[in-house]
Amino acid sequence: LDEKRRAMGVLLQEEAAFLAESDAM
């Protein structure tokens, strides 16, 4: 469960980076 949560955290960070990139654009 901890491993799955960590992996999901990475995905959420990547999504946040995409959203920040969208704002910057």
PDBML (XML) file of the C-alpha atoms, coordinates in Angstrom:
<?xml version="1.0" encoding="UTF-8" ?>
<PDBx:datablock datablockName="MODEL"
   xmlns:PDBx="http://pdbml.pdb.org/schema/pdbx-v50.xsd"
   xmlns:xsi="http://www.w3.org/2001/XMLSchema-instance"
   xsi:schemaLocation="http://pdbml.pdb.org/schema/pdbx-v50.xsd pdbx-v50.xsd">
   <PDBx:atom_siteCategory>
      <PDBx:atom_site id="1">
         <PDBx:B_iso_or_equiv>0.00</PDBx:B_iso_or_equiv>
         <PDBx:Cartn_x>0.000</PDBx:Cartn_x>
         <PDBx:Cartn_y>0.000</PDBx:Cartn_y>
         <PDBx:Cartn_z>0.000</PDBx:Cartn_z>
         <PDBx:auth_asym_id>A</PDBx:auth_asym_id>
         <PDBx:auth_atom_id>CA</PDBx:auth_atom_id>
         <PDBx:auth_comp_id>LEU</PDBx:auth_comp_id>
         <PDBx:auth_seq_id>1</PDBx:auth_seq_id>
         <PDBx:group_PDB>ATOM</PDBx:group_PDB>
         <PDBx:label_alt_id xsi:nil="true" />
         <PDBx:label_asym_id>A</PDBx:label_asym_id>
         <PDBx:label_atom_id>CA</PDBx:label_atom_id>
         <PDBx:label_comp_id>LEU</PDBx:label_comp_id>
         <PDBx:label_entity_id>1</PDBx:label_entity_id>
         <PDBx:label_seq_id>1</PDBx:label_seq_id>
         <PDBx:occupancy>1.00</PDBx:occupancy>
         <PDBx:pdbx_PDB_model_num>1</PDBx:pdbx_PDB_model_num>
         <PDBx:type_symbol>C</PDBx:type_symbol>
      </PDBx:atom_site>
      <PDBx:atom_site id="2">
         <PDBx:B_iso_or_equiv>0.00</PDBx:B_iso_or_equiv>
         <PDBx:Cartn_x>2.811</PDBx:Cartn_x>
         <PDBx:Cartn_y>2.416</PDBx:Cartn_y>
         <PDBx:Cartn_z>0.852</PDBx:Cartn_z>
         <PDBx:auth_asym_id>A</PDBx:auth_asym_id>
         <PDBx:auth_atom_id>CA</PDBx:auth_atom_id>
         <PDBx:auth_comp_id>ASP</PDBx:auth_comp_id>
         <PDBx:auth_seq_id>2</PDBx:auth_seq_id>
         <PDBx:group_PDB>ATOM</PDBx:group_PDB>
         <PDBx:label_alt_id xsi:nil="true" />
         <PDBx:label_asym_id>A</PDBx:label_asym_id>
         <PDBx:label_atom_id>CA</PDBx:label_atom_id>
         <PDBx:label_comp_id>ASP</PDBx:label_comp_id>
         <PDBx:label_entity_id>1</PDBx:label_entity_id>
         <PDBx:label_seq_id>2</PDBx:label_seq_id>
         <PDBx:occupancy>1.00</PDBx:occupancy>
         <PDBx:pdbx_PDB_model_num>1</PDBx:pdbx_PDB_model_num>
         <PDBx:type_symbol>C</PDBx:type_symbol>
      </PDBx:atom_site>
      <PDBx:atom_site id="3">
         <PDBx:B_iso_or_equiv>0.00</PDBx:B_iso_or_equiv>
         <PDBx:Cartn_x>4.505</PDBx:Cartn_x>
         <PDBx:Cartn_y>1.700</PDBx:Cartn_y>
         <PDBx:Cartn_z>-2.484</PDBx:Cartn_z>
         <PDBx:auth_asym_id>A</PDBx:auth_asym_id>
         <PDBx:auth_atom_id>CA</PDBx:auth_atom_id>
         <PDBx:auth_comp_id>GLU</PDBx:auth_comp_id>
         <PDBx:auth_seq_id>3</PDBx:auth_seq_id>
         <PDBx:group_PDB>ATOM</PDBx:group_PDB>
         <PDBx:label_alt_id xsi:nil="true" />
         <PDBx:label_asym_id>A</PDBx:label_asym_id>
         <PDBx:label_atom_id>CA</PDBx:label_atom_id>
         <PDBx:label_comp_id>GLU</PDBx:label_comp_id>
         <PDBx:label_entity_id>1</PDBx:label_entity_id>
         <PDBx:label_seq_id>3</PDBx:label_seq_id>
         <PDBx:occupancy>1.00</PDBx:occupancy>
         <PDBx:pdbx_PDB_model_num>1</PDBx:pdbx_PDB_model_num>
         <PDBx:type_symbol>C</PDBx:type_symbol>
      </PDBx:atom_site>
      <PDBx:atom_site id="4">
         <PDBx:B_iso_or_equiv>0.00</PDBx:B_iso_or_equiv>
         <PDBx:Cartn_x>1.268</PDBx:Cartn_x>
         <PDBx:Cartn_y>2.305</PDBx:Cartn_y>
         <PDBx:Cartn_z>-4.393</PDBx:Cartn_z>
         <PDBx:auth_asym_id>A</PDBx:auth_asym_id>
         <PDBx:auth_atom_id>CA</PDBx:auth_atom_id>
         <PDBx:auth_comp_id>LYS</PDBx:auth_comp_id>
         <PDBx:auth_seq_id>4</PDBx:auth_seq_id>
         <PDBx:group_PDB>ATOM</PDBx:group_PDB>
         <PDBx:label_alt_id xsi:nil="true" />
         <PDBx:label_asym_id>A</PDBx:label_asym_id>
         <PDBx:label_atom_id>CA</PDBx:label_atom_id>
         <PDBx:label_comp_id>LYS</PDBx:label_comp_id>
         <PDBx:label_entity_id>1</PDBx:label_entity_id>
         <PDBx:label_seq_id>4</PDBx:label_seq_id>
         <PDBx:occupancy>1.00</PDBx:occupancy>
         <PDBx:pdbx_PDB_model_num>1</PDBx:pdbx_PDB_model_num>
         <PDBx:type_symbol>C</PDBx:type_symbol>
      </PDBx:atom_site>
      <PDBx:atom_site id="5">
         <PDBx:B_iso_or_equiv>0.00</PDBx:B_iso_or_equiv>
         <PDBx:Cartn_x>0.733</PDBx:Cartn_x>
         <PDBx:Cartn_y>5.559</PDBx:Cartn_y>
         <PDBx:Cartn_z>-2.509</PDBx:Cartn_z>
         <PDBx:auth_asym_id>A</PDBx:auth_asym_id>
         <PDBx:auth_atom_id>CA</PDBx:auth_atom_id>
         <PDBx:auth_comp_id>ARG</PDBx:auth_comp_id>
         <PDBx:auth_seq_id>5</PDBx:auth_seq_id>
         <PDBx:group_PDB>ATOM</PDBx:group_PDB>
         <PDBx:label_alt_id xsi:nil="true" />
         <PDBx:label_asym_id>A</PDBx:label_asym_id>
         <PDBx:label_atom_id>CA</PDBx:label_atom_id>
         <PDBx:label_comp_id>ARG</PDBx:label_comp_id>
         <PDBx:label_entity_id>1</PDBx:label_entity_id>
         <PDBx:label_seq_id>5</PDBx:label_seq_id>
         <PDBx:occupancy>1.00</PDBx:occupancy>
         <PDBx:pdbx_PDB_model_num>1</PDBx:pdbx_PDB_model_num>
         <PDBx:type_symbol>C</PDBx:type_symbol>
      </PDBx:atom_site>
      <PDBx:atom_site id="6">
         <PDBx:B_iso_or_equiv>0.00</PDBx:B_iso_or_equiv>
         <PDBx:Cartn_x>4.272</PDBx:Cartn_x>
         <PDBx:Cartn_y>6.706</PDBx:Cartn_y>
         <PDBx:Cartn_z>-3.301</PDBx:Cartn_z>
         <PDBx:auth_asym_id>A</PDBx:auth_asym_id>
         <PDBx:auth_atom_id>CA</PDBx:auth_atom_id>
         <PDBx:auth_comp_id>ARG</PDBx:auth_comp_id>
         <PDBx:auth_seq_id>6</PDBx:auth_seq_id>
         <PDBx:group_PDB>ATOM</PDBx:group_PDB>
         <PDBx:label_alt_id xsi:nil="true" />
         <PDBx:label_asym_id>A</PDBx:label_asym_id>
         <PDBx:label_atom_id>CA</PDBx:label_atom_id>
         <PDBx:label_comp_id>ARG</PDBx:label_comp_id>
         <PDBx:label_entity_id>1</PDBx:label_entity_id>
         <PDBx:label_seq_id>6</PDBx:label_seq_id>
         <PDBx:occupancy>1.00</PDBx:occupancy>
         <PDBx:pdbx_PDB_model_num>1</PDBx:pdbx_PDB_model_num>
         <PDBx:type_symbol>C</PDBx:type_symbol>
      </PDBx:atom_site>
      <PDBx:atom_site id="7">
         <PDBx:B_iso_or_equiv>0.00</PDBx:B_iso_or_equiv>
         <PDBx:Cartn_x>3.746</PDBx:Cartn_x>
         <PDBx:Cartn_y>5.938</PDBx:Cartn_y>
         <PDBx:Cartn_z>-6.977</PDBx:Cartn_z>
         <PDBx:auth_asym_id>A</PDBx:auth_asym_id>
         <PDBx:auth_atom_id>CA</PDBx:auth_atom_id>
         <PDBx:auth_comp_id>ALA</PDBx:auth_comp_id>
         <PDBx:auth_seq_id>7</PDBx:auth_seq_id>
         <PDBx:group_PDB>ATOM</PDBx:group_PDB>
         <PDBx:label_alt_id xsi:nil="true" />
         <PDBx:label_asym_id>A</PDBx:label_asym_id>
         <PDBx:label_atom_id>CA</PDBx:label_atom_id>
         <PDBx:label_comp_id>ALA</PDBx:label_comp_id>
         <PDBx:label_entity_id>1</PDBx:label_entity_id>
         <PDBx:label_seq_id>7</PDBx:label_seq_id>
         <PDBx:occupancy>1.00</PDBx:occupancy>
         <PDBx:pdbx_PDB_model_num>1</PDBx:pdbx_PDB_model_num>
         <PDBx:type_symbol>C</PDBx:type_symbol>
      </PDBx:atom_site>
      <PDBx:atom_site id="8">
         <PDBx:B_iso_or_equiv>0.00</PDBx:B_iso_or_equiv>
         <PDBx:Cartn_x>0.487</PDBx:Cartn_x>
         <PDBx:Cartn_y>7.869</PDBx:Cartn_y>
         <PDBx:Cartn_z>-6.926</PDBx:Cartn_z>
         <PDBx:auth_asym_id>A</PDBx:auth_asym_id>
         <PDBx:auth_atom_id>CA</PDBx:auth_atom_id>
         <PDBx:auth_comp_id>MET</PDBx:auth_comp_id>
         <PDBx:auth_seq_id>8</PDBx:auth_seq_id>
         <PDBx:group_PDB>ATOM</PDBx:group_PDB>
         <PDBx:label_alt_id xsi:nil="true" />
         <PDBx:label_asym_id>A</PDBx:label_asym_id>
         <PDBx:label_atom_id>CA</PDBx:label_atom_id>
         <PDBx:label_comp_id>MET</PDBx:label_comp_id>
         <PDBx:label_entity_id>1</PDBx:label_entity_id>
         <PDBx:label_seq_id>8</PDBx:label_seq_id>
         <PDBx:occupancy>1.00</PDBx:occupancy>
         <PDBx:pdbx_PDB_model_num>1</PDBx:pdbx_PDB_model_num>
         <PDBx:type_symbol>C</PDBx:type_symbol>
      </PDBx:atom_site>
      <PDBx:atom_site id="9">
         <PDBx:B_iso_or_equiv>0.00</PDBx:B_iso_or_equiv>
         <PDBx:Cartn_x>2.265</PDBx:Cartn_x>
         <PDBx:Cartn_y>10.791</PDBx:Cartn_y>
         <PDBx:Cartn_z>-5.259</PDBx:Cartn_z>
         <PDBx:auth_asym_id>A</PDBx:auth_asym_id>
         <PDBx:auth_atom_id>CA</PDBx:auth_atom_id>
         <PDBx:auth_comp_id>GLY</PDBx:auth_comp_id>
         <PDBx:auth_seq_id>9</PDBx:auth_seq_id>
         <PDBx:group_PDB>ATOM</PDBx:group_PDB>
         <PDBx:label_alt_id xsi:nil="true" />
         <PDBx:label_asym_id>A</PDBx:label_asym_id>
         <PDBx:label_atom_id>CA</PDBx:label_atom_id>
         <PDBx:label_comp_id>GLY</PDBx:label_comp_id>
         <PDBx:label_entity_id>1</PDBx:label_entity_id>
         <PDBx:label_seq_id>9</PDBx:label_seq_id>
         <PDBx:occupancy>1.00</PDBx:occupancy>
         <PDBx:pdbx_PDB_model_num>1</PDBx:pdbx_PDB_model_num>
         <PDBx:type_symbol>C</PDBx:type_symbol>
      </PDBx:atom_site>
      <PDBx:atom_site id="10">
         <PDBx:B_iso_or_equiv>0.00</PDBx:B_iso_or_equiv>
         <PDBx:Cartn_x>4.764</PDBx:Cartn_x>
         <PDBx:Cartn_y>10.886</PDBx:Cartn_y>
         <PDBx:Cartn_z>-8.114</PDBx:Cartn_z>
         <PDBx:auth_asym_id>A</PDBx:auth_asym_id>
         <PDBx:auth_atom_id>CA</PDBx:auth_atom_id>
         <PDBx:auth_comp_id>VAL</PDBx:auth_comp_id>
         <PDBx:auth_seq_id>10</PDBx:auth_seq_id>
         <PDBx:group_PDB>ATOM</PDBx:group_PDB>
         <PDBx:label_alt_id xsi:nil="true" />
         <PDBx:label_asym_id>A</PDBx:label_asym_id>
         <PDBx:label_atom_id>CA</PDBx:label_atom_id>
         <PDBx:label_comp_id>VAL</PDBx:label_comp_id>
         <PDBx:label_entity_id>1</PDBx:label_entity_id>
         <PDBx:label_seq_id>10</PDBx:label_seq_id>
         <PDBx:occupancy>1.00</PDBx:occupancy>
         <PDBx:pdbx_PDB_model_num>1</PDBx:pdbx_PDB_model_num>
         <PDBx:type_symbol>C</PDBx:type_symbol>
      </PDBx:atom_site>
      <PDBx:atom_site id="11">
         <PDBx:B_iso_or_equiv>0.00</PDBx:B_iso_or_equiv>
         <PDBx:Cartn_x>1.929</PDBx:Cartn_x>
         <PDBx:Cartn_y>10.904</PDBx:Cartn_y>
         <PDBx:Cartn_z>-10.647</PDBx:Cartn_z>
         <PDBx:auth_asym_id>A</PDBx:auth_asym_id>
         <PDBx:auth_atom_id>CA</PDBx:auth_atom_id>
         <PDBx:auth_comp_id>LEU</PDBx:auth_comp_id>
         <PDBx:auth_seq_id>11</PDBx:auth_seq_id>
         <PDBx:group_PDB>ATOM</PDBx:group_PDB>
         <PDBx:label_alt_id xsi:nil="true" />
         <PDBx:label_asym_id>A</PDBx:label_asym_id>
         <PDBx:label_atom_id>CA</PDBx:label_atom_id>
         <PDBx:label_comp_id>LEU</PDBx:label_comp_id>
         <PDBx:label_entity_id>1</PDBx:label_entity_id>
         <PDBx:label_seq_id>11</PDBx:label_seq_id>
         <PDBx:occupancy>1.00</PDBx:occupancy>
         <PDBx:pdbx_PDB_model_num>1</PDBx:pdbx_PDB_model_num>
         <PDBx:type_symbol>C</PDBx:type_symbol>
      </PDBx:atom_site>
      <PDBx:atom_site id="12">
         <PDBx:B_iso_or_equiv>0.00</PDBx:B_iso_or_equiv>
         <PDBx:Cartn_x>0.199</PDBx:Cartn_x>
         <PDBx:Cartn_y>13.740</PDBx:Cartn_y>
         <PDBx:Cartn_z>-8.799</PDBx:Cartn_z>
         <PDBx:auth_asym_id>A</PDBx:auth_asym_id>
         <PDBx:auth_atom_id>CA</PDBx:auth_atom_id>
         <PDBx:auth_comp_id>LEU</PDBx:auth_comp_id>
         <PDBx:auth_seq_id>12</PDBx:auth_seq_id>
         <PDBx:group_PDB>ATOM</PDBx:group_PDB>
         <PDBx:label_alt_id xsi:nil="true" />
         <PDBx:label_asym_id>A</PDBx:label_asym_id>
         <PDBx:label_atom_id>CA</PDBx:label_atom_id>
         <PDBx:label_comp_id>LEU</PDBx:label_comp_id>
         <PDBx:label_entity_id>1</PDBx:label_entity_id>
         <PDBx:label_seq_id>12</PDBx:label_seq_id>
         <PDBx:occupancy>1.00</PDBx:occupancy>
         <PDBx:pdbx_PDB_model_num>1</PDBx:pdbx_PDB_model_num>
         <PDBx:type_symbol>C</PDBx:type_symbol>
      </PDBx:atom_site>
      <PDBx:atom_site id="13">
         <PDBx:B_iso_or_equiv>0.00</PDBx:B_iso_or_equiv>
         <PDBx:Cartn_x>3.435</PDBx:Cartn_x>
         <PDBx:Cartn_y>15.738</PDBx:Cartn_y>
         <PDBx:Cartn_z>-8.790</PDBx:Cartn_z>
         <PDBx:auth_asym_id>A</PDBx:auth_asym_id>
         <PDBx:auth_atom_id>CA</PDBx:auth_atom_id>
         <PDBx:auth_comp_id>GLN</PDBx:auth_comp_id>
         <PDBx:auth_seq_id>13</PDBx:auth_seq_id>
         <PDBx:group_PDB>ATOM</PDBx:group_PDB>
         <PDBx:label_alt_id xsi:nil="true" />
         <PDBx:label_asym_id>A</PDBx:label_asym_id>
         <PDBx:label_atom_id>CA</PDBx:label_atom_id>
         <PDBx:label_comp_id>GLN</PDBx:label_comp_id>
         <PDBx:label_entity_id>1</PDBx:label_entity_id>
         <PDBx:label_seq_id>13</PDBx:label_seq_id>
         <PDBx:occupancy>1.00</PDBx:occupancy>
         <PDBx:pdbx_PDB_model_num>1</PDBx:pdbx_PDB_model_num>
         <PDBx:type_symbol>C</PDBx:type_symbol>
      </PDBx:atom_site>
      <PDBx:atom_site id="14">
         <PDBx:B_iso_or_equiv>0.00</PDBx:B_iso_or_equiv>
         <PDBx:Cartn_x>3.797</PDBx:Cartn_x>
         <PDBx:Cartn_y>15.179</PDBx:Cartn_y>
         <PDBx:Cartn_z>-12.528</PDBx:Cartn_z>
         <PDBx:auth_asym_id>A</PDBx:auth_asym_id>
         <PDBx:auth_atom_id>CA</PDBx:auth_atom_id>
         <PDBx:auth_comp_id>GLU</PDBx:auth_comp_id>
         <PDBx:auth_seq_id>14</PDBx:auth_seq_id>
         <PDBx:group_PDB>ATOM</PDBx:group_PDB>
         <PDBx:label_alt_id xsi:nil="true" />
         <PDBx:label_asym_id>A</PDBx:label_asym_id>
         <PDBx:label_atom_id>CA</PDBx:label_atom_id>
         <PDBx:label_comp_id>GLU</PDBx:label_comp_id>
         <PDBx:label_entity_id>1</PDBx:label_entity_id>
         <PDBx:label_seq_id>14</PDBx:label_seq_id>
         <PDBx:occupancy>1.00</PDBx:occupancy>
         <PDBx:pdbx_PDB_model_num>1</PDBx:pdbx_PDB_model_num>
         <PDBx:type_symbol>C</PDBx:type_symbol>
      </PDBx:atom_site>
      <PDBx:atom_site id="15">
         <PDBx:B_iso_or_equiv>0.00</PDBx:B_iso_or_equiv>
         <PDBx:Cartn_x>0.227</PDBx:Cartn_x>
         <PDBx:Cartn_y>16.348</PDBx:Cartn_y>
         <PDBx:Cartn_z>-13.076</PDBx:Cartn_z>
         <PDBx:auth_asym_id>A</PDBx:auth_asym_id>
         <PDBx:auth_atom_id>CA</PDBx:auth_atom_id>
         <PDBx:auth_comp_id>GLU</PDBx:auth_comp_id>
         <PDBx:auth_seq_id>15</PDBx:auth_seq_id>
         <PDBx:group_PDB>ATOM</PDBx:group_PDB>
         <PDBx:label_alt_id xsi:nil="true" />
         <PDBx:label_asym_id>A</PDBx:label_asym_id>
         <PDBx:label_atom_id>CA</PDBx:label_atom_id>
         <PDBx:label_comp_id>GLU</PDBx:label_comp_id>
         <PDBx:label_entity_id>1</PDBx:label_entity_id>
         <PDBx:label_seq_id>15</PDBx:label_seq_id>
         <PDBx:occupancy>1.00</PDBx:occupancy>
         <PDBx:pdbx_PDB_model_num>1</PDBx:pdbx_PDB_model_num>
         <PDBx:type_symbol>C</PDBx:type_symbol>
      </PDBx:atom_site>
      <PDBx:atom_site id="16">
         <PDBx:B_iso_or_equiv>0.00</PDBx:B_iso_or_equiv>
         <PDBx:Cartn_x>0.924</PDBx:Cartn_x>
         <PDBx:Cartn_y>19.453</PDBx:Cartn_y>
         <PDBx:Cartn_z>-10.984</PDBx:Cartn_z>
         <PDBx:auth_asym_id>A</PDBx:auth_asym_id>
         <PDBx:auth_atom_id>CA</PDBx:auth_atom_id>
         <PDBx:auth_comp_id>ALA</PDBx:auth_comp_id>
         <PDBx:auth_seq_id>16</PDBx:auth_seq_id>
         <PDBx:group_PDB>ATOM</PDBx:group_PDB>
         <PDBx:label_alt_id xsi:nil="true" />
         <PDBx:label_asym_id>A</PDBx:label_asym_id>
         <PDBx:label_atom_id>CA</PDBx:label_atom_id>
         <PDBx:label_comp_id>ALA</PDBx:label_comp_id>
         <PDBx:label_entity_id>1</PDBx:label_entity_id>
         <PDBx:label_seq_id>16</PDBx:label_seq_id>
         <PDBx:occupancy>1.00</PDBx:occupancy>
         <PDBx:pdbx_PDB_model_num>1</PDBx:pdbx_PDB_model_num>
         <PDBx:type_symbol>C</PDBx:type_symbol>
      </PDBx:atom_site>
      <PDBx:atom_site id="17">
         <PDBx:B_iso_or_equiv>0.00</PDBx:B_iso_or_equiv>
         <PDBx:Cartn_x>3.990</PDBx:Cartn_x>
         <PDBx:Cartn_y>20.165</PDBx:Cartn_y>
         <PDBx:Cartn_z>-13.118</PDBx:Cartn_z>
         <PDBx:auth_asym_id>A</PDBx:auth_asym_id>
         <PDBx:auth_atom_id>CA</PDBx:auth_atom_id>
         <PDBx:auth_comp_id>ALA</PDBx:auth_comp_id>
         <PDBx:auth_seq_id>17</PDBx:auth_seq_id>
         <PDBx:group_PDB>ATOM</PDBx:group_PDB>
         <PDBx:label_alt_id xsi:nil="true" />
         <PDBx:label_asym_id>A</PDBx:label_asym_id>
         <PDBx:label_atom_id>CA</PDBx:label_atom_id>
         <PDBx:label_comp_id>ALA</PDBx:label_comp_id>
         <PDBx:label_entity_id>1</PDBx:label_entity_id>
         <PDBx:label_seq_id>17</PDBx:label_seq_id>
         <PDBx:occupancy>1.00</PDBx:occupancy>
         <PDBx:pdbx_PDB_model_num>1</PDBx:pdbx_PDB_model_num>
         <PDBx:type_symbol>C</PDBx:type_symbol>
      </PDBx:atom_site>
      <PDBx:atom_site id="18">
         <PDBx:B_iso_or_equiv>0.00</PDBx:B_iso_or_equiv>
         <PDBx:Cartn_x>1.878</PDBx:Cartn_x>
         <PDBx:Cartn_y>19.916</PDBx:Cartn_y>
         <PDBx:Cartn_z>-16.277</PDBx:Cartn_z>
         <PDBx:auth_asym_id>A</PDBx:auth_asym_id>
         <PDBx:auth_atom_id>CA</PDBx:auth_atom_id>
         <PDBx:auth_comp_id>PHE</PDBx:auth_comp_id>
         <PDBx:auth_seq_id>18</PDBx:auth_seq_id>
         <PDBx:group_PDB>ATOM</PDBx:group_PDB>
         <PDBx:label_alt_id xsi:nil="true" />
         <PDBx:label_asym_id>A</PDBx:label_asym_id>
         <PDBx:label_atom_id>CA</PDBx:label_atom_id>
         <PDBx:label_comp_id>PHE</PDBx:label_comp_id>
         <PDBx:label_entity_id>1</PDBx:label_entity_id>
         <PDBx:label_seq_id>18</PDBx:label_seq_id>
         <PDBx:occupancy>1.00</PDBx:occupancy>
         <PDBx:pdbx_PDB_model_num>1</PDBx:pdbx_PDB_model_num>
         <PDBx:type_symbol>C</PDBx:type_symbol>
      </PDBx:atom_site>
      <PDBx:atom_site id="19">
         <PDBx:B_iso_or_equiv>0.00</PDBx:B_iso_or_equiv>
         <PDBx:Cartn_x>-0.712</PDBx:Cartn_x>
         <PDBx:Cartn_y>22.266</PDBx:Cartn_y>
         <PDBx:Cartn_z>-14.803</PDBx:Cartn_z>
         <PDBx:auth_asym_id>A</PDBx:auth_asym_id>
         <PDBx:auth_atom_id>CA</PDBx:auth_atom_id>
         <PDBx:auth_comp_id>LEU</PDBx:auth_comp_id>
         <PDBx:auth_seq_id>19</PDBx:auth_seq_id>
         <PDBx:group_PDB>ATOM</PDBx:group_PDB>
         <PDBx:label_alt_id xsi:nil="true" />
         <PDBx:label_asym_id>A</PDBx:label_asym_id>
         <PDBx:label_atom_id>CA</PDBx:label_atom_id>
         <PDBx:label_comp_id>LEU</PDBx:label_comp_id>
         <PDBx:label_entity_id>1</PDBx:label_entity_id>
         <PDBx:label_seq_id>19</PDBx:label_seq_id>
         <PDBx:occupancy>1.00</PDBx:occupancy>
         <PDBx:pdbx_PDB_model_num>1</PDBx:pdbx_PDB_model_num>
         <PDBx:type_symbol>C</PDBx:type_symbol>
      </PDBx:atom_site>
      <PDBx:atom_site id="20">
         <PDBx:B_iso_or_equiv>0.00</PDBx:B_iso_or_equiv>
         <PDBx:Cartn_x>2.014</PDBx:Cartn_x>
         <PDBx:Cartn_y>24.744</PDBx:Cartn_y>
         <PDBx:Cartn_z>-13.825</PDBx:Cartn_z>
         <PDBx:auth_asym_id>A</PDBx:auth_asym_id>
         <PDBx:auth_atom_id>CA</PDBx:auth_atom_id>
         <PDBx:auth_comp_id>ALA</PDBx:auth_comp_id>
         <PDBx:auth_seq_id>20</PDBx:auth_seq_id>
         <PDBx:group_PDB>ATOM</PDBx:group_PDB>
         <PDBx:label_alt_id xsi:nil="true" />
         <PDBx:label_asym_id>A</PDBx:label_asym_id>
         <PDBx:label_atom_id>CA</PDBx:label_atom_id>
         <PDBx:label_comp_id>ALA</PDBx:label_comp_id>
         <PDBx:label_entity_id>1</PDBx:label_entity_id>
         <PDBx:label_seq_id>20</PDBx:label_seq_id>
         <PDBx:occupancy>1.00</PDBx:occupancy>
         <PDBx:pdbx_PDB_model_num>1</PDBx:pdbx_PDB_model_num>
         <PDBx:type_symbol>C</PDBx:type_symbol>
      </PDBx:atom_site>
      <PDBx:atom_site id="21">
         <PDBx:B_iso_or_equiv>0.00</PDBx:B_iso_or_equiv>
         <PDBx:Cartn_x>3.374</PDBx:Cartn_x>
         <PDBx:Cartn_y>24.522</PDBx:Cartn_y>
         <PDBx:Cartn_z>-17.360</PDBx:Cartn_z>
         <PDBx:auth_asym_id>A</PDBx:auth_asym_id>
         <PDBx:auth_atom_id>CA</PDBx:auth_atom_id>
         <PDBx:auth_comp_id>GLU</PDBx:auth_comp_id>
         <PDBx:auth_seq_id>21</PDBx:auth_seq_id>
         <PDBx:group_PDB>ATOM</PDBx:group_PDB>
         <PDBx:label_alt_id xsi:nil="true" />
         <PDBx:label_asym_id>A</PDBx:label_asym_id>
         <PDBx:label_atom_id>CA</PDBx:label_atom_id>
         <PDBx:label_comp_id>GLU</PDBx:label_comp_id>
         <PDBx:label_entity_id>1</PDBx:label_entity_id>
         <PDBx:label_seq_id>21</PDBx:label_seq_id>
         <PDBx:occupancy>1.00</PDBx:occupancy>
         <PDBx:pdbx_PDB_model_num>1</PDBx:pdbx_PDB_model_num>
         <PDBx:type_symbol>C</PDBx:type_symbol>
      </PDBx:atom_site>
      <PDBx:atom_site id="22">
         <PDBx:B_iso_or_equiv>0.00</PDBx:B_iso_or_equiv>
         <PDBx:Cartn_x>-0.104</PDBx:Cartn_x>
         <PDBx:Cartn_y>25.237</PDBx:Cartn_y>
         <PDBx:Cartn_z>-18.700</PDBx:Cartn_z>
         <PDBx:auth_asym_id>A</PDBx:auth_asym_id>
         <PDBx:auth_atom_id>CA</PDBx:auth_atom_id>
         <PDBx:auth_comp_id>SER</PDBx:auth_comp_id>
         <PDBx:auth_seq_id>22</PDBx:auth_seq_id>
         <PDBx:group_PDB>ATOM</PDBx:group_PDB>
         <PDBx:label_alt_id xsi:nil="true" />
         <PDBx:label_asym_id>A</PDBx:label_asym_id>
         <PDBx:label_atom_id>CA</PDBx:label_atom_id>
         <PDBx:label_comp_id>SER</PDBx:label_comp_id>
         <PDBx:label_entity_id>1</PDBx:label_entity_id>
         <PDBx:label_seq_id>22</PDBx:label_seq_id>
         <PDBx:occupancy>1.00</PDBx:occupancy>
         <PDBx:pdbx_PDB_model_num>1</PDBx:pdbx_PDB_model_num>
         <PDBx:type_symbol>C</PDBx:type_symbol>
      </PDBx:atom_site>
      <PDBx:atom_site id="23">
         <PDBx:B_iso_or_equiv>0.00</PDBx:B_iso_or_equiv>
         <PDBx:Cartn_x>-0.372</PDBx:Cartn_x>
         <PDBx:Cartn_y>28.333</PDBx:Cartn_y>
         <PDBx:Cartn_z>-16.487</PDBx:Cartn_z>
         <PDBx:auth_asym_id>A</PDBx:auth_asym_id>
         <PDBx:auth_atom_id>CA</PDBx:auth_atom_id>
         <PDBx:auth_comp_id>ASP</PDBx:auth_comp_id>
         <PDBx:auth_seq_id>23</PDBx:auth_seq_id>
         <PDBx:group_PDB>ATOM</PDBx:group_PDB>
         <PDBx:label_alt_id xsi:nil="true" />
         <PDBx:label_asym_id>A</PDBx:label_asym_id>
         <PDBx:label_atom_id>CA</PDBx:label_atom_id>
         <PDBx:label_comp_id>ASP</PDBx:label_comp_id>
         <PDBx:label_entity_id>1</PDBx:label_entity_id>
         <PDBx:label_seq_id>23</PDBx:label_seq_id>
         <PDBx:occupancy>1.00</PDBx:occupancy>
         <PDBx:pdbx_PDB_model_num>1</PDBx:pdbx_PDB_model_num>
         <PDBx:type_symbol>C</PDBx:type_symbol>
      </PDBx:atom_site>
      <PDBx:atom_site id="24">
         <PDBx:B_iso_or_equiv>0.00</PDBx:B_iso_or_equiv>
         <PDBx:Cartn_x>3.064</PDBx:Cartn_x>
         <PDBx:Cartn_y>29.505</PDBx:Cartn_y>
         <PDBx:Cartn_z>-17.610</PDBx:Cartn_z>
         <PDBx:auth_asym_id>A</PDBx:auth_asym_id>
         <PDBx:auth_atom_id>CA</PDBx:auth_atom_id>
         <PDBx:auth_comp_id>ALA</PDBx:auth_comp_id>
         <PDBx:auth_seq_id>24</PDBx:auth_seq_id>
         <PDBx:group_PDB>ATOM</PDBx:group_PDB>
         <PDBx:label_alt_id xsi:nil="true" />
         <PDBx:label_asym_id>A</PDBx:label_asym_id>
         <PDBx:label_atom_id>CA</PDBx:label_atom_id>
         <PDBx:label_comp_id>ALA</PDBx:label_comp_id>
         <PDBx:label_entity_id>1</PDBx:label_entity_id>
         <PDBx:label_seq_id>24</PDBx:label_seq_id>
         <PDBx:occupancy>1.00</PDBx:occupancy>
         <PDBx:pdbx_PDB_model_num>1</PDBx:pdbx_PDB_model_num>
         <PDBx:type_symbol>C</PDBx:type_symbol>
      </PDBx:atom_site>
      <PDBx:atom_site id="25">
         <PDBx:B_iso_or_equiv>0.00</PDBx:B_iso_or_equiv>
         <PDBx:Cartn_x>2.069</PDBx:Cartn_x>
         <PDBx:Cartn_y>29.033</PDBx:Cartn_y>
         <PDBx:Cartn_z>-21.248</PDBx:Cartn_z>
         <PDBx:auth_asym_id>A</PDBx:auth_asym_id>
         <PDBx:auth_atom_id>CA</PDBx:auth_atom_id>
         <PDBx:auth_comp_id>MET</PDBx:auth_comp_id>
         <PDBx:auth_seq_id>25</PDBx:auth_seq_id>
         <PDBx:group_PDB>ATOM</PDBx:group_PDB>
         <PDBx:label_alt_id xsi:nil="true" />
         <PDBx:label_asym_id>A</PDBx:label_asym_id>
         <PDBx:label_atom_id>CA</PDBx:label_atom_id>
         <PDBx:label_comp_id>MET</PDBx:label_comp_id>
         <PDBx:label_entity_id>1</PDBx:label_entity_id>
         <PDBx:label_seq_id>25</PDBx:label_seq_id>
         <PDBx:occupancy>1.00</PDBx:occupancy>
         <PDBx:pdbx_PDB_model_num>1</PDBx:pdbx_PDB_model_num>
         <PDBx:type_symbol>C</PDBx:type_symbol>
      </PDBx:atom_site>
   </PDBx:atom_siteCategory>
</PDBx:datablock>
